[in-house]
Amino acid sequence: MAMCKILCFGRSAGSEFIEKYVAEGKGQIDLVTVPHLDKGAVLEAKPDLVLLTEPIIDRLLSNPFLQELESEHRFSIFSFLNKDDVAYRLKSYQVGAQDCLSLEMVPEELHFKMSILTRRTNLLRNVPPTIELKNMLIFPAYKRVLINNQEVRLANKEYEILLLLIKKREQFVTAAEIIASIWKGATVSQGNIYTQIHNLKRKIKNFDGTIASQYGVGFRLYVEPPSDS
């Protein structure tokens, strides 16, 4: 299992527990401690997990910058409380925590929780990032496409063609390239490709961009309208 980097702001009972957890050989964790709550420190550390304590949670309520960084830089947030305080648990979720640990938990439960957090983090590392183009959102991990927040159901080949056109959207893609990339050398007629493209264009008709077809040249996805030149 890969090393999991946890960032905490100042020393706390939570960071001391994690140090002990690592010393006992229960997890591969790189614990990074910075003295102050600071956006620059988070960006520099590039953590997998960010640990929050009660004082940090209170400060984040007025400046919840971690939530802004979380999706772009792909880390998870959890809180580690001295007491299992319902008010602070709710506050921690309010500032972006996905889980909440407490020193009042029995040691076995804390160990299981830490194991789950680090395992989940390692899984998240391998999740492809969301693709956003105009009013289209694509979640590659789930093969989901949303346009105007409405799900568009694509067949597998239509979905793969869409991803290929997005990847190569600076150029035209020929039918032969589509066959080689998606059908992996299987015998497929060019007429089949035109049918797939036709169905794809029909299903994403509400997309603010467009797929252009040029006979003898290929297909191209435009996010902005093509120029006349």
Protein backbone atom coordinates (compact mmCIF):
# COMPACT_ATOMS: atom_id res chain seq x y z
CA MET A 1 0.00 0.00 0.00
CA ALA A 2 1.31 3.48 -0.88
CA MET A 3 2.31 5.98 1.79
CA CYS A 4 -0.59 8.23 2.86
CA LYS A 5 0.35 11.86 3.61
CA ILE A 6 -1.67 13.50 6.40
CA LEU A 7 -1.42 17.24 7.02
CA CYS A 8 -2.29 18.74 10.40
CA PHE A 9 -2.11 22.30 11.69
CA GLY A 10 -0.09 22.35 14.90
CA ARG A 11 0.31 19.51 17.37
CA SER A 12 -2.84 18.01 18.87
CA ALA A 13 -4.17 14.89 20.51
CA GLY A 14 -5.11 13.73 17.02
CA SER A 15 -1.59 14.11 15.62
CA GLU A 16 -0.17 12.38 18.70
CA PHE A 17 -2.54 9.46 18.17
CA ILE A 18 -1.45 9.17 14.52
CA GLU A 19 2.24 9.26 15.53
CA LYS A 20 1.57 6.40 17.95
CA TYR A 21 -0.47 4.58 15.29
CA VAL A 22 2.49 4.77 12.88
CA ALA A 23 5.03 3.83 15.57
CA GLU A 24 3.04 0.67 16.29
CA GLY A 25 3.33 -0.28 12.61
CA LYS A 26 -0.40 -0.08 11.96
CA GLY A 27 -0.22 2.10 8.85
CA GLN A 28 2.08 3.68 6.28
CA ILE A 29 1.54 7.35 7.03
CA ASP A 30 3.67 10.44 6.45
CA LEU A 31 2.47 12.98 9.05
CA VAL A 32 3.26 16.59 8.10
CA THR A 33 2.70 19.27 10.75
CA VAL A 34 2.57 22.97 9.90
CA PRO A 35 2.28 25.63 12.61
CA HIS A 36 -0.63 27.62 11.21
CA LEU A 37 -3.80 27.23 9.17
CA ASP A 38 -2.51 28.39 5.81
CA LYS A 39 -3.66 27.89 2.22
CA GLY A 40 -0.10 28.01 0.90
CA ALA A 41 0.99 25.27 3.30
CA VAL A 42 -1.78 22.99 2.03
CA LEU A 43 -0.79 23.57 -1.60
CA GLU A 44 2.89 22.99 -0.83
CA ALA A 45 2.32 19.83 1.23
CA LYS A 46 0.05 18.17 -1.39
CA PRO A 47 -1.62 15.98 1.26
CA ASP A 48 -3.88 12.99 0.80
CA LEU A 49 -5.73 13.75 4.05
CA VAL A 50 -6.14 16.94 6.10
CA LEU A 51 -6.73 16.60 9.84
CA LEU A 52 -8.96 19.15 11.59
CA THR A 53 -9.16 19.88 15.32
CA GLU A 54 -11.70 21.97 17.24
CA PRO A 55 -9.80 25.32 17.00
CA ILE A 56 -9.15 24.79 13.27
CA ILE A 57 -12.81 23.93 12.66
CA ASP A 58 -13.87 27.19 14.35
CA ARG A 59 -11.53 29.21 12.14
CA LEU A 60 -12.65 27.45 8.96
CA LEU A 61 -16.29 28.33 9.65
CA SER A 62 -15.49 31.92 8.69
CA ASN A 63 -13.07 30.99 5.87
CA PRO A 64 -13.86 27.53 4.42
CA PHE A 65 -11.02 27.57 1.88
CA LEU A 66 -10.29 23.85 2.25
CA GLN A 67 -13.51 22.97 0.44
CA GLU A 68 -12.42 25.16 -2.49
CA LEU A 69 -9.08 23.33 -2.69
CA GLU A 70 -10.40 19.84 -2.01
CA SER A 71 -11.89 18.94 -5.40
CA GLU A 72 -9.13 20.55 -7.46
CA HIS A 73 -6.21 19.11 -5.47
CA ARG A 74 -7.96 15.85 -4.56
CA PHE A 75 -7.44 15.36 -0.85
CA SER A 76 -9.89 14.25 1.82
CA ILE A 77 -10.73 16.02 5.08
CA PHE A 78 -11.40 14.44 8.46
CA SER A 79 -11.72 15.79 11.98
CA PHE A 80 -10.17 14.40 15.16
CA LEU A 81 -11.97 15.63 18.27
CA ASN A 82 -10.99 15.39 21.92
CA LYS A 83 -14.59 14.56 22.81
CA ASP A 84 -17.41 13.06 20.80
CA ASP A 85 -19.20 16.40 20.69
CA VAL A 86 -22.25 16.49 18.41
CA ALA A 87 -21.96 20.25 17.84
CA TYR A 88 -18.34 19.95 16.68
CA ARG A 89 -19.13 16.91 14.56
CA LEU A 90 -21.75 18.96 12.72
CA LYS A 91 -19.34 21.88 12.40
CA SER A 92 -16.65 19.61 10.98
CA TYR A 93 -19.03 18.31 8.31
CA GLN A 94 -20.02 21.92 7.58
CA VAL A 95 -16.41 22.84 6.74
CA GLY A 96 -15.92 19.80 4.50
CA ALA A 97 -14.94 16.81 6.67
CA GLN A 98 -16.00 13.44 5.29
CA ASP A 99 -15.43 11.60 8.56
CA CYS A 100 -15.08 12.38 12.24
CA LEU A 101 -12.88 10.58 14.79
CA SER A 102 -12.81 11.09 18.54
CA LEU A 103 -10.45 10.16 21.36
CA GLU A 104 -13.50 8.84 23.19
CA MET A 105 -13.72 6.00 20.68
CA VAL A 106 -12.26 2.73 21.89
CA PRO A 107 -8.74 2.13 20.46
CA GLU A 108 -9.91 -0.73 18.23
CA GLU A 109 -12.51 1.50 16.58
CA LEU A 110 -9.98 4.30 16.07
CA HIS A 111 -7.58 1.87 14.43
CA PHE A 112 -10.29 0.58 12.11
CA LYS A 113 -11.34 4.14 11.23
CA MET A 114 -7.76 5.13 10.38
CA SER A 115 -7.36 2.01 8.27
CA ILE A 116 -10.56 2.81 6.35
CA LEU A 117 -9.52 6.45 5.82
CA THR A 118 -6.10 5.56 4.42
CA ARG A 119 -7.50 2.75 2.25
CA ARG A 120 -10.20 5.05 0.85
CA THR A 121 -7.53 7.67 0.12
CA ASN A 122 -5.43 5.19 -1.84
CA LEU A 123 -8.50 4.29 -3.91
CA LEU A 124 -9.27 7.97 -4.59
CA ARG A 125 -5.77 8.48 -6.01
CA ASN A 126 -6.72 6.26 -8.94
CA VAL A 127 -10.07 7.91 -9.70
CA PRO A 128 -9.85 9.84 -12.99
CA PRO A 129 -10.69 13.53 -12.58
CA THR A 130 -14.04 14.93 -13.69
CA ILE A 131 -14.11 16.42 -17.20
CA GLU A 132 -15.99 19.71 -17.55
CA LEU A 133 -16.71 21.26 -20.95
CA LYS A 134 -19.21 24.12 -21.06
CA ASN A 135 -22.49 22.64 -19.78
CA MET A 136 -21.24 19.03 -19.96
CA LEU A 137 -19.85 17.09 -17.00
CA ILE A 138 -18.24 13.68 -17.43
CA PHE A 139 -17.38 11.37 -14.53
CA PRO A 140 -14.96 8.82 -16.05
CA ALA A 141 -14.87 6.67 -12.91
CA TYR A 142 -18.59 5.95 -13.37
CA LYS A 143 -18.92 6.51 -17.14
CA ARG A 144 -21.60 9.12 -16.48
CA VAL A 145 -22.35 12.10 -18.71
CA LEU A 146 -24.43 15.06 -17.55
CA ILE A 147 -25.60 17.98 -19.68
CA ASN A 148 -27.31 20.83 -17.85
CA ASN A 149 -27.20 18.52 -14.80
CA GLN A 150 -29.36 15.96 -16.63
CA GLU A 151 -27.90 12.50 -17.19
CA VAL A 152 -27.38 11.46 -20.81
CA ARG A 153 -27.34 7.71 -21.36
CA LEU A 154 -24.74 6.71 -23.94
CA ALA A 155 -23.92 3.25 -25.26
CA ASN A 156 -20.38 2.09 -24.43
CA LYS A 157 -18.99 2.81 -27.90
CA GLU A 158 -20.68 6.21 -28.05
CA TYR A 159 -19.14 7.08 -24.69
CA GLU A 160 -15.67 5.96 -25.81
CA ILE A 161 -15.96 7.95 -29.05
CA LEU A 162 -16.95 11.04 -27.05
CA LEU A 163 -13.89 10.68 -24.80
CA LEU A 164 -11.63 10.23 -27.83
CA LEU A 165 -13.03 13.35 -29.51
CA ILE A 166 -12.56 15.31 -26.28
CA LYS A 167 -8.98 14.09 -25.94
CA LYS A 168 -8.19 15.11 -29.54
CA ARG A 169 -10.46 18.13 -29.77
CA GLU A 170 -7.73 20.28 -31.34
CA GLN A 171 -7.89 18.19 -34.51
CA PHE A 172 -10.08 16.07 -36.76
CA VAL A 173 -10.19 12.35 -35.96
CA THR A 174 -10.65 9.95 -38.87
CA ALA A 175 -12.96 6.95 -38.87
CA ALA A 176 -9.87 4.73 -39.18
CA GLU A 177 -8.40 6.29 -36.01
CA ILE A 178 -11.65 5.71 -34.14
CA ILE A 179 -11.72 2.06 -35.22
CA ALA A 180 -8.07 1.52 -34.26
CA SER A 181 -8.47 3.21 -30.87
CA ILE A 182 -11.84 1.81 -29.79
CA TRP A 183 -12.40 -1.41 -31.72
CA LYS A 184 -8.72 -2.39 -31.42
CA GLY A 185 -8.33 -3.61 -34.98
CA ALA A 186 -11.65 -5.45 -35.27
CA THR A 187 -13.39 -5.23 -38.63
CA VAL A 188 -15.84 -2.33 -38.50
CA SER A 189 -17.30 -0.47 -41.45
CA GLN A 190 -16.98 3.29 -41.75
CA GLY A 191 -20.76 3.37 -42.10
CA ASN A 192 -20.96 1.98 -38.56
CA ILE A 193 -18.79 4.86 -37.33
CA TYR A 194 -21.04 7.43 -39.02
CA THR A 195 -24.05 5.79 -37.34
CA GLN A 196 -22.33 5.92 -33.94
CA ILE A 197 -21.48 9.60 -34.43
CA HIS A 198 -25.03 10.37 -35.58
CA ASN A 199 -26.47 8.72 -32.45
CA LEU A 200 -23.94 10.48 -30.21
CA LYS A 201 -24.74 13.91 -31.69
CA ARG A 202 -28.46 13.28 -31.24
CA LYS A 203 -28.03 12.32 -27.59
CA ILE A 204 -25.84 15.30 -26.70
CA LYS A 205 -27.86 17.80 -28.73
CA ASN A 206 -28.17 20.09 -25.68
CA PHE A 207 -24.39 20.37 -25.33
CA ASP A 208 -23.22 23.95 -25.87
CA GLY A 209 -20.41 22.71 -28.12
CA THR A 210 -20.75 20.68 -31.30
CA ILE A 211 -19.36 17.67 -33.17
CA ALA A 212 -18.49 18.54 -36.75
CA SER A 213 -18.38 15.89 -39.48
CA GLN A 214 -16.36 16.57 -42.62
CA TYR A 215 -16.58 13.97 -45.36
CA GLY A 216 -13.18 12.49 -46.20
CA VAL A 217 -11.54 14.27 -43.24
CA GLY A 218 -13.19 13.01 -40.07
CA PHE A 219 -14.88 14.28 -36.94
CA ARG A 220 -14.01 17.01 -34.49
CA LEU A 221 -15.48 18.20 -31.22
CA TYR A 222 -15.66 21.98 -30.90
CA VAL A 223 -16.15 23.55 -27.50
CA GLU A 224 -16.34 26.97 -29.15
CA PRO A 225 -18.11 27.47 -32.51
CA PRO A 226 -15.70 26.80 -35.41
CA SER A 227 -14.41 29.88 -37.21
CA ASP A 228 -15.29 30.48 -40.85
CA SER A 229 -11.64 30.66 -41.87
